[in-house]
Amino acid sequence: MAEIKVPTTAGAGTTLSIGRWFKRVGDPVTVQEPLVEIFADGVTHEVRAPATGVLSKVLMKDGQTVEPGTVLGVIDQV
């Protein structure tokens, strides 16, 4: 299992929000594949997969406010 987290460098001290997920639960993912976009003060960042596997959980939905280090989802490694 690998956690998908907001990078600690992404907009530290600013308001971050989830843009959209590029994958759905059950979809296969590969390491470093873009999974979700986040917005920080008008700038869009992509959060990439930390591992290869299957996206098993999405914990934060589009539009939610998050902080650096927040767990966004989970990948089951195969």
PDB file of N, CA and C in Angstrom:
ATOM      1  N   MET A   1       0.838  -1.175   0.000  1.00  0.00           N
ATOM      2  CA  MET A   1       0.000   0.000   0.000  1.00  0.00           C
ATOM      3  C   MET A   1       0.887   1.245   0.000  1.00  0.00           C
ATOM      4  N   ALA A   2       0.545   2.208  -0.835  1.00  0.00           N
ATOM      5  CA  ALA A   2       1.288   3.468  -0.892  1.00  0.00           C
ATOM      6  C   ALA A   2       0.297   4.624  -0.788  1.00  0.00           C
ATOM      7  N   GLU A   3       0.605   5.573   0.081  1.00  0.00           N
ATOM      8  CA  GLU A   3      -0.261   6.741   0.243  1.00  0.00           C
ATOM      9  C   GLU A   3       0.089   7.810  -0.779  1.00  0.00           C
ATOM     10  N   ILE A   4      -0.938   8.425  -1.331  1.00  0.00           N
ATOM     11  CA  ILE A   4      -0.776   9.561  -2.243  1.00  0.00           C
ATOM     12  C   ILE A   4      -0.953  10.805  -1.383  1.00  0.00           C
ATOM     13  N   LYS A   5       0.084  11.620  -1.278  1.00  0.00           N
ATOM     14  CA  LYS A   5       0.048  12.784  -0.386  1.00  0.00           C
ATOM     15  C   LYS A   5       0.295  14.081  -1.142  1.00  0.00           C
ATOM     16  N   VAL A   6      -0.254  15.162  -0.591  1.00  0.00           N
ATOM     17  CA  VAL A   6       0.076  16.493  -1.094  1.00  0.00           C
ATOM     18  C   VAL A   6       1.539  16.732  -0.737  1.00  0.00           C
ATOM     19  N   PRO A   7       2.381  17.086  -1.707  1.00  0.00           N
ATOM     20  CA  PRO A   7       3.790  17.351  -1.387  1.00  0.00           C
ATOM     21  C   PRO A   7       3.911  18.448  -0.328  1.00  0.00           C
ATOM     22  N   THR A   8       4.867  18.292   0.568  1.00  0.00           N
ATOM     23  CA  THR A   8       5.042  19.288   1.631  1.00  0.00           C
ATOM     24  C   THR A   8       5.555  20.609   1.083  1.00  0.00           C
ATOM     25  N   THR A   9       6.061  20.608  -0.138  1.00  0.00           N
ATOM     26  CA  THR A   9       6.547  21.846  -0.760  1.00  0.00           C
ATOM     27  C   THR A   9       5.468  22.561  -1.560  1.00  0.00           C
ATOM     28  N   ALA A  10       4.313  21.940  -1.729  1.00  0.00           N
ATOM     29  CA  ALA A  10       3.247  22.518  -2.556  1.00  0.00           C
ATOM     30  C   ALA A  10       2.507  23.602  -1.795  1.00  0.00           C
ATOM     31  N   GLY A  11       2.855  24.835  -2.060  1.00  0.00           N
ATOM     32  CA  GLY A  11       2.114  25.964  -1.515  1.00  0.00           C
ATOM     33  C   GLY A  11       2.103  26.049  -0.010  1.00  0.00           C
ATOM     34  N   ALA A  12       3.209  25.757   0.629  1.00  0.00           N
ATOM     35  CA  ALA A  12       3.268  25.844   2.081  1.00  0.00           C
ATOM     36  C   ALA A  12       2.809  27.223   2.534  1.00  0.00           C
ATOM     37  N   GLY A  13       1.868  27.236   3.478  1.00  0.00           N
ATOM     38  CA  GLY A  13       1.358  28.498   3.998  1.00  0.00           C
ATOM     39  C   GLY A  13       0.278  29.132   3.141  1.00  0.00           C
ATOM     40  N   THR A  14      -0.179  28.441   2.104  1.00  0.00           N
ATOM     41  CA  THR A  14      -1.235  28.968   1.246  1.00  0.00           C
ATOM     42  C   THR A  14      -2.425  28.015   1.257  1.00  0.00           C
ATOM     43  N   THR A  15      -3.522  28.466   0.688  1.00  0.00           N
ATOM     44  CA  THR A  15      -4.705  27.627   0.580  1.00  0.00           C
ATOM     45  C   THR A  15      -4.559  26.706  -0.622  1.00  0.00           C
ATOM     46  N   LEU A  16      -4.698  25.422  -0.388  1.00  0.00           N
ATOM     47  CA  LEU A  16      -4.608  24.413  -1.444  1.00  0.00           C
ATOM     48  C   LEU A  16      -5.975  23.771  -1.622  1.00  0.00           C
ATOM     49  N   SER A  17      -6.339  23.489  -2.861  1.00  0.00           N
ATOM     50  CA  SER A  17      -7.597  22.781  -3.096  1.00  0.00           C
ATOM     51  C   SER A  17      -7.413  21.745  -4.197  1.00  0.00           C
ATOM     52  N   ILE A  18      -8.231  20.705  -4.117  1.00  0.00           N
ATOM     53  CA  ILE A  18      -8.193  19.634  -5.108  1.00  0.00           C
ATOM     54  C   ILE A  18      -8.860  20.126  -6.385  1.00  0.00           C
ATOM     55  N   GLY A  19      -8.170  19.946  -7.508  1.00  0.00           N
ATOM     56  CA  GLY A  19      -8.753  20.288  -8.799  1.00  0.00           C
ATOM     57  C   GLY A  19      -9.588  19.130  -9.302  1.00  0.00           C
ATOM     58  N   ARG A  20      -8.922  18.144  -9.886  1.00  0.00           N
ATOM     59  CA  ARG A  20      -9.638  16.956 -10.362  1.00  0.00           C
ATOM     60  C   ARG A  20      -8.704  15.765 -10.355  1.00  0.00           C
ATOM     61  N   TRP A  21      -9.313  14.594 -10.246  1.00  0.00           N
ATOM     62  CA  TRP A  21      -8.585  13.340 -10.332  1.00  0.00           C
ATOM     63  C   TRP A  21      -8.525  12.907 -11.783  1.00  0.00           C
ATOM     64  N   PHE A  22      -7.368  12.427 -12.213  1.00  0.00           N
ATOM     65  CA  PHE A  22      -7.191  11.919 -13.569  1.00  0.00           C
ATOM     66  C   PHE A  22      -7.536  10.429 -13.662  1.00  0.00           C
ATOM     67  N   LYS A  23      -7.581   9.756 -12.521  1.00  0.00           N
ATOM     68  CA  LYS A  23      -7.871   8.318 -12.451  1.00  0.00           C
ATOM     69  C   LYS A  23      -9.047   8.088 -11.507  1.00  0.00           C
ATOM     70  N   ARG A  24      -9.678   6.921 -11.667  1.00  0.00           N
ATOM     71  CA  ARG A  24     -10.778   6.517 -10.797  1.00  0.00           C
ATOM     72  C   ARG A  24     -10.358   5.303  -9.985  1.00  0.00           C
ATOM     73  N   VAL A  25     -11.066   5.073  -8.882  1.00  0.00           N
ATOM     74  CA  VAL A  25     -10.806   3.887  -8.069  1.00  0.00           C
ATOM     75  C   VAL A  25     -10.926   2.651  -8.961  1.00  0.00           C
ATOM     76  N   GLY A  26      -9.919   1.782  -8.855  1.00  0.00           N
ATOM     77  CA  GLY A  26      -9.878   0.561  -9.658  1.00  0.00           C
ATOM     78  C   GLY A  26      -8.989   0.671 -10.881  1.00  0.00           C
ATOM     79  N   ASP A  27      -8.599   1.903 -11.236  1.00  0.00           N
ATOM     80  CA  ASP A  27      -7.727   2.096 -12.400  1.00  0.00           C
ATOM     81  C   ASP A  27      -6.282   1.723 -12.066  1.00  0.00           C
ATOM     82  N   PRO A  28      -5.567   1.100 -13.008  1.00  0.00           N
ATOM     83  CA  PRO A  28      -4.136   0.851 -12.812  1.00  0.00           C
ATOM     84  C   PRO A  28      -3.359   2.161 -12.947  1.00  0.00           C
ATOM     85  N   VAL A  29      -2.293   2.292 -12.164  1.00  0.00           N
ATOM     86  CA  VAL A  29      -1.426   3.470 -12.238  1.00  0.00           C
ATOM     87  C   VAL A  29       0.027   3.026 -12.249  1.00  0.00           C
ATOM     88  N   THR A  30       0.889   3.863 -12.814  1.00  0.00           N
ATOM     89  CA  THR A  30       2.321   3.585 -12.805  1.00  0.00           C
ATOM     90  C   THR A  30       3.037   4.687 -12.035  1.00  0.00           C
ATOM     91  N   VAL A  31       4.181   4.340 -11.488  1.00  0.00           N
ATOM     92  CA  VAL A  31       4.951   5.295 -10.699  1.00  0.00           C
ATOM     93  C   VAL A  31       5.216   6.563 -11.512  1.00  0.00           C
ATOM     94  N   GLN A  32       5.051   7.700 -10.879  1.00  0.00           N
ATOM     95  CA  GLN A  32       5.254   9.041 -11.442  1.00  0.00           C
ATOM     96  C   GLN A  32       4.170   9.473 -12.434  1.00  0.00           C
ATOM     97  N   GLU A  33       3.110   8.683 -12.579  1.00  0.00           N
ATOM     98  CA  GLU A  33       1.992   9.078 -13.439  1.00  0.00           C
ATOM     99  C   GLU A  33       1.170  10.160 -12.724  1.00  0.00           C
ATOM    100  N   PRO A  34       0.793  11.241 -13.408  1.00  0.00           N
ATOM    101  CA  PRO A  34      -0.058  12.259 -12.775  1.00  0.00           C
ATOM    102  C   PRO A  34      -1.401  11.652 -12.356  1.00  0.00           C
ATOM    103  N   LEU A  35      -1.790  11.898 -11.091  1.00  0.00           N
ATOM    104  CA  LEU A  35      -3.033  11.335 -10.570  1.00  0.00           C
ATOM    105  C   LEU A  35      -4.092  12.380 -10.274  1.00  0.00           C
ATOM    106  N   VAL A  36      -3.663  13.509  -9.741  1.00  0.00           N
ATOM    107  CA  VAL A  36      -4.621  14.523  -9.295  1.00  0.00           C
ATOM    108  C   VAL A  36      -3.970  15.896  -9.401  1.00  0.00           C
ATOM    109  N   GLU A  37      -4.779  16.905  -9.710  1.00  0.00           N
ATOM    110  CA  GLU A  37      -4.246  18.262  -9.739  1.00  0.00           C
ATOM    111  C   GLU A  37      -4.704  18.999  -8.489  1.00  0.00           C
ATOM    112  N   ILE A  38      -3.824  19.859  -8.001  1.00  0.00           N
ATOM    113  CA  ILE A  38      -4.165  20.723  -6.876  1.00  0.00           C
ATOM    114  C   ILE A  38      -3.872  22.158  -7.273  1.00  0.00           C
ATOM    115  N   PHE A  39      -4.647  23.061  -6.687  1.00  0.00           N
ATOM    116  CA  PHE A  39      -4.481  24.485  -6.956  1.00  0.00           C
ATOM    117  C   PHE A  39      -3.931  25.168  -5.717  1.00  0.00           C
ATOM    118  N   ALA A  40      -2.942  26.045  -5.927  1.00  0.00           N
ATOM    119  CA  ALA A  40      -2.348  26.824  -4.843  1.00  0.00           C
ATOM    120  C   ALA A  40      -2.144  28.242  -5.347  1.00  0.00           C
ATOM    121  N   ASP A  41      -2.941  29.164  -4.850  1.00  0.00           N
ATOM    122  CA  ASP A  41      -2.833  30.576  -5.235  1.00  0.00           C
ATOM    123  C   ASP A  41      -2.807  30.766  -6.748  1.00  0.00           C
ATOM    124  N   GLY A  42      -3.716  30.103  -7.448  1.00  0.00           N
ATOM    125  CA  GLY A  42      -3.831  30.270  -8.888  1.00  0.00           C
ATOM    126  C   GLY A  42      -2.868  29.447  -9.720  1.00  0.00           C
ATOM    127  N   VAL A  43      -2.014  28.675  -9.067  1.00  0.00           N
ATOM    128  CA  VAL A  43      -1.059  27.825  -9.777  1.00  0.00           C
ATOM    129  C   VAL A  43      -1.523  26.371  -9.665  1.00  0.00           C
ATOM    130  N   THR A  44      -1.477  25.651 -10.775  1.00  0.00           N
ATOM    131  CA  THR A  44      -1.881  24.246 -10.787  1.00  0.00           C
ATOM    132  C   THR A  44      -0.652  23.350 -10.655  1.00  0.00           C
ATOM    133  N   HIS A  45      -0.738  22.383  -9.749  1.00  0.00           N
ATOM    134  CA  HIS A  45       0.321  21.395  -9.543  1.00  0.00           C
ATOM    135  C   HIS A  45      -0.272  20.013  -9.776  1.00  0.00           C
ATOM    136  N   GLU A  46       0.539  19.078 -10.252  1.00  0.00           N
ATOM    137  CA  GLU A  46       0.111  17.689 -10.393  1.00  0.00           C
ATOM    138  C   GLU A  46       0.758  16.849  -9.298  1.00  0.00           C
ATOM    139  N   VAL A  47      -0.051  16.026  -8.656  1.00  0.00           N
ATOM    140  CA  VAL A  47       0.467  15.061  -7.692  1.00  0.00           C
ATOM    141  C   VAL A  47       0.614  13.746  -8.448  1.00  0.00           C
ATOM    142  N   ARG A  48       1.804  13.169  -8.383  1.00  0.00           N
ATOM    143  CA  ARG A  48       2.115  11.961  -9.151  1.00  0.00           C
ATOM    144  C   ARG A  48       2.074  10.715  -8.267  1.00  0.00           C
ATOM    145  N   ALA A  49       1.870   9.587  -8.909  1.00  0.00           N
ATOM    146  CA  ALA A  49       1.797   8.307  -8.198  1.00  0.00           C
ATOM    147  C   ALA A  49       3.143   7.973  -7.555  1.00  0.00           C
ATOM    148  N   PRO A  50       3.131   7.627  -6.269  1.00  0.00           N
ATOM    149  CA  PRO A  50       4.379   7.253  -5.603  1.00  0.00           C
ATOM    150  C   PRO A  50       4.792   5.806  -5.884  1.00  0.00           C
ATOM    151  N   ALA A  51       3.892   5.033  -6.512  1.00  0.00           N
ATOM    152  CA  ALA A  51       4.168   3.613  -6.762  1.00  0.00           C
ATOM    153  C   ALA A  51       3.292   3.115  -7.908  1.00  0.00           C
ATOM    154  N   THR A  52       3.636   1.944  -8.424  1.00  0.00           N
ATOM    155  CA  THR A  52       2.824   1.278  -9.439  1.00  0.00           C
ATOM    156  C   THR A  52       1.826   0.363  -8.736  1.00  0.00           C
ATOM    157  N   GLY A  53       0.600   0.323  -9.249  1.00  0.00           N
ATOM    158  CA  GLY A  53      -0.427  -0.530  -8.656  1.00  0.00           C
ATOM    159  C   GLY A  53      -1.801  -0.150  -9.151  1.00  0.00           C
ATOM    160  N   VAL A  54      -2.775  -0.249  -8.244  1.00  0.00           N
ATOM    161  CA  VAL A  54      -4.170   0.069  -8.557  1.00  0.00           C
ATOM    162  C   VAL A  54      -4.657   1.120  -7.566  1.00  0.00           C
ATOM    163  N   LEU A  55      -5.290   2.171  -8.068  1.00  0.00           N
ATOM    164  CA  LEU A  55      -5.864   3.196  -7.194  1.00  0.00           C
ATOM    165  C   LEU A  55      -7.022   2.566  -6.427  1.00  0.00           C
ATOM    166  N   SER A  56      -6.857   2.402  -5.118  1.00  0.00           N
ATOM    167  CA  SER A  56      -7.864   1.686  -4.328  1.00  0.00           C
ATOM    168  C   SER A  56      -8.759   2.597  -3.507  1.00  0.00           C
ATOM    169  N   LYS A  57      -8.282   3.803  -3.174  1.00  0.00           N
ATOM    170  CA  LYS A  57      -9.093   4.733  -2.375  1.00  0.00           C
ATOM    171  C   LYS A  57      -8.821   6.163  -2.809  1.00  0.00           C
ATOM    172  N   VAL A  58      -9.882   6.957  -2.861  1.00  0.00           N
ATOM    173  CA  VAL A  58      -9.780   8.405  -3.043  1.00  0.00           C
ATOM    174  C   VAL A  58     -10.373   9.015  -1.777  1.00  0.00           C
ATOM    175  N   LEU A  59      -9.534   9.680  -0.987  1.00  0.00           N
ATOM    176  CA  LEU A  59      -9.968  10.205   0.306  1.00  0.00           C
ATOM    177  C   LEU A  59     -10.394  11.665   0.253  1.00  0.00           C
ATOM    178  N   MET A  60      -9.912  12.402  -0.727  1.00  0.00           N
ATOM    179  CA  MET A  60     -10.258  13.814  -0.876  1.00  0.00           C
ATOM    180  C   MET A  60     -10.908  14.025  -2.236  1.00  0.00           C
ATOM    181  N   LYS A  61     -12.017  14.711  -2.246  1.00  0.00           N
ATOM    182  CA  LYS A  61     -12.799  14.913  -3.467  1.00  0.00           C
ATOM    183  C   LYS A  61     -12.469  16.256  -4.116  1.00  0.00           C
ATOM    184  N   ASP A  62     -12.866  16.394  -5.375  1.00  0.00           N
ATOM    185  CA  ASP A  62     -12.690  17.647  -6.122  1.00  0.00           C
ATOM    186  C   ASP A  62     -13.257  18.817  -5.317  1.00  0.00           C
ATOM    187  N   GLY A  63     -12.471  19.898  -5.245  1.00  0.00           N
ATOM    188  CA  GLY A  63     -12.919  21.110  -4.570  1.00  0.00           C
ATOM    189  C   GLY A  63     -12.591  21.186  -3.091  1.00  0.00           C
ATOM    190  N   GLN A  64     -12.181  20.088  -2.477  1.00  0.00           N
ATOM    191  CA  GLN A  64     -11.865  20.115  -1.052  1.00  0.00           C
ATOM    192  C   GLN A  64     -10.574  20.878  -0.792  1.00  0.00           C
ATOM    193  N   THR A  65     -10.519  21.554   0.350  1.00  0.00           N
ATOM    194  CA  THR A  65      -9.320  22.258   0.789  1.00  0.00           C
ATOM    195  C   THR A  65      -8.431  21.274   1.540  1.00  0.00           C
ATOM    196  N   VAL A  66      -7.126  21.322   1.246  1.00  0.00           N
ATOM    197  CA  VAL A  66      -6.170  20.404   1.869  1.00  0.00           C
ATOM    198  C   VAL A  66      -4.928  21.173   2.306  1.00  0.00           C
ATOM    199  N   GLU A  67      -4.089  20.511   3.075  1.00  0.00           N
ATOM    200  CA  GLU A  67      -2.823  21.081   3.531  1.00  0.00           C
ATOM    201  C   GLU A  67      -1.679  20.202   3.042  1.00  0.00           C
ATOM    202  N   PRO A  68      -0.465  20.758   2.968  1.00  0.00           N
ATOM    203  CA  PRO A  68       0.684  19.921   2.610  1.00  0.00           C
ATOM    204  C   PRO A  68       0.769  18.704   3.536  1.00  0.00           C
ATOM    205  N   GLY A  69       1.044  17.552   2.957  1.00  0.00           N
ATOM    206  CA  GLY A  69       1.143  16.320   3.730  1.00  0.00           C
ATOM    207  C   GLY A  69      -0.159  15.542   3.851  1.00  0.00           C
ATOM    208  N   THR A  70      -1.284  16.142   3.443  1.00  0.00           N
ATOM    209  CA  THR A  70      -2.580  15.460   3.514  1.00  0.00           C
ATOM    210  C   THR A  70      -2.581  14.226   2.612  1.00  0.00           C
ATOM    211  N   VAL A  71      -3.105  13.121   3.121  1.00  0.00           N
ATOM    212  CA  VAL A  71      -3.242  11.907   2.315  1.00  0.00           C
ATOM    213  C   VAL A  71      -4.472  12.068   1.423  1.00  0.00           C
ATOM    214  N   LEU A  72      -4.253  11.959   0.120  1.00  0.00           N
ATOM    215  CA  LEU A  72      -5.322  12.146  -0.861  1.00  0.00           C
ATOM    216  C   LEU A  72      -5.969  10.834  -1.280  1.00  0.00           C
ATOM    217  N   GLY A  73      -5.186   9.769  -1.262  1.00  0.00           N
ATOM    218  CA  GLY A  73      -5.686   8.475  -1.702  1.00  0.00           C
ATOM    219  C   GLY A  73      -4.677   7.385  -1.424  1.00  0.00           C
ATOM    220  N   VAL A  74      -5.015   6.175  -1.868  1.00  0.00           N
ATOM    221  CA  VAL A  74      -4.172   5.009  -1.598  1.00  0.00           C
ATOM    222  C   VAL A  74      -4.034   4.173  -2.871  1.00  0.00           C
ATOM    223  N   ILE A  75      -2.824   3.675  -3.090  1.00  0.00           N
ATOM    224  CA  ILE A  75      -2.538   2.752  -4.190  1.00  0.00           C
ATOM    225  C   ILE A  75      -2.202   1.396  -3.580  1.00  0.00           C
ATOM    226  N   ASP A  76      -2.889   0.353  -4.057  1.00  0.00           N
ATOM    227  CA  ASP A  76      -2.517  -1.014  -3.689  1.00  0.00           C
ATOM    228  C   ASP A  76      -1.460  -1.458  -4.681  1.00  0.00           C
ATOM    229  N   GLN A  77      -0.298  -1.806  -4.168  1.00  0.00           N
ATOM    230  CA  GLN A  77       0.816  -2.193  -5.036  1.00  0.00           C
ATOM    231  C   GLN A  77       0.672  -3.646  -5.469  1.00  0.00           C
ATOM    232  N   VAL A  78       1.036  -3.889  -6.733  1.00  0.00           N
ATOM    233  CA  VAL A  78       0.956  -5.256  -7.261  1.00  0.00           C
ATOM    234  C   VAL A  78       2.333  -5.757  -7.623  1.00  0.00           C
TER     235      VAL A  78
END
